[in-house]
Amino acid sequence: MLTDKAIQEFREIYKKEHGIELSNDEARDAAERLISFFELLHKIDRGEEVTKKRKPKKS
């Protein structure tokens, strides 16, 4: 779980890089997806088996 401080830092970086201000929920979701992506890359780099996990779609 990400801290509120980490989410705020992510929001600031995202706004600086992309010029778009995210809500806390949007920033948390984007940051968690980014972390998951890098975890996946790390597993691939280490030669670990990767299985696809599906998340339920938000309505």
Protein backbone atom coordinates (compact mmCIF):
# COMPACT_ATOMS: atom_id res chain seq x y z
CA MET A 1 0.00 0.00 0.00
CA LEU A 2 1.23 3.44 -0.88
CA THR A 3 1.39 6.23 1.67
CA ASP A 4 -0.46 9.49 1.21
CA LYS A 5 2.93 11.20 0.87
CA ALA A 6 3.93 8.83 -1.94
CA ILE A 7 0.64 9.49 -3.75
CA GLN A 8 1.14 13.25 -3.44
CA GLU A 9 4.69 12.96 -4.79
CA PHE A 10 3.42 10.86 -7.70
CA ARG A 11 0.74 13.49 -8.44
CA GLU A 12 3.36 16.24 -8.49
CA ILE A 13 5.69 14.29 -10.77
CA TYR A 14 2.84 13.35 -13.10
CA LYS A 15 1.67 16.95 -13.37
CA LYS A 16 5.21 18.18 -14.03
CA GLU A 17 5.86 15.54 -16.71
CA HIS A 18 2.45 15.44 -18.41
CA GLY A 19 0.74 18.71 -17.48
CA ILE A 20 -2.29 16.84 -16.14
CA GLU A 21 -3.46 17.00 -12.54
CA LEU A 22 -4.72 13.68 -11.21
CA SER A 23 -7.12 13.15 -8.33
CA ASN A 24 -5.83 11.14 -5.38
CA ASP A 25 -7.74 8.07 -6.59
CA GLU A 26 -6.43 8.42 -10.14
CA ALA A 27 -2.89 8.90 -8.87
CA ARG A 28 -3.11 5.90 -6.53
CA ASP A 29 -4.42 3.70 -9.35
CA ALA A 30 -1.77 4.88 -11.81
CA ALA A 31 1.05 4.50 -9.28
CA GLU A 32 -0.09 0.99 -8.30
CA ARG A 33 -0.26 -0.02 -11.97
CA LEU A 34 3.23 1.40 -12.54
CA ILE A 35 4.59 -0.56 -9.57
CA SER A 36 2.90 -3.75 -10.84
CA PHE A 37 4.45 -3.18 -14.26
CA PHE A 38 7.95 -2.90 -12.81
CA GLU A 39 7.35 -5.97 -10.63
CA LEU A 40 6.41 -7.85 -13.80
CA LEU A 41 9.53 -6.64 -15.59
CA HIS A 42 11.63 -7.74 -12.63
CA LYS A 43 10.09 -11.24 -12.70
CA ILE A 44 10.71 -11.52 -16.43
CA ASP A 45 14.31 -10.37 -15.97
CA ARG A 46 14.85 -13.01 -13.28
CA GLY A 47 13.33 -15.71 -15.49
CA GLU A 48 10.37 -16.33 -13.20
CA GLU A 49 7.14 -17.73 -14.58
CA VAL A 50 4.61 -14.99 -15.14
CA THR A 51 0.87 -15.60 -14.97
CA LYS A 52 -1.74 -13.12 -16.02
CA LYS A 53 -3.99 -11.91 -13.22
CA ARG A 54 -7.25 -10.29 -14.18
CA LYS A 55 -8.73 -7.52 -12.12
CA PRO A 56 -12.45 -6.93 -12.21
CA LYS A 57 -13.34 -3.97 -14.40
CA LYS A 58 -14.56 -0.85 -12.66
CA SER A 59 -18.04 0.30 -13.58
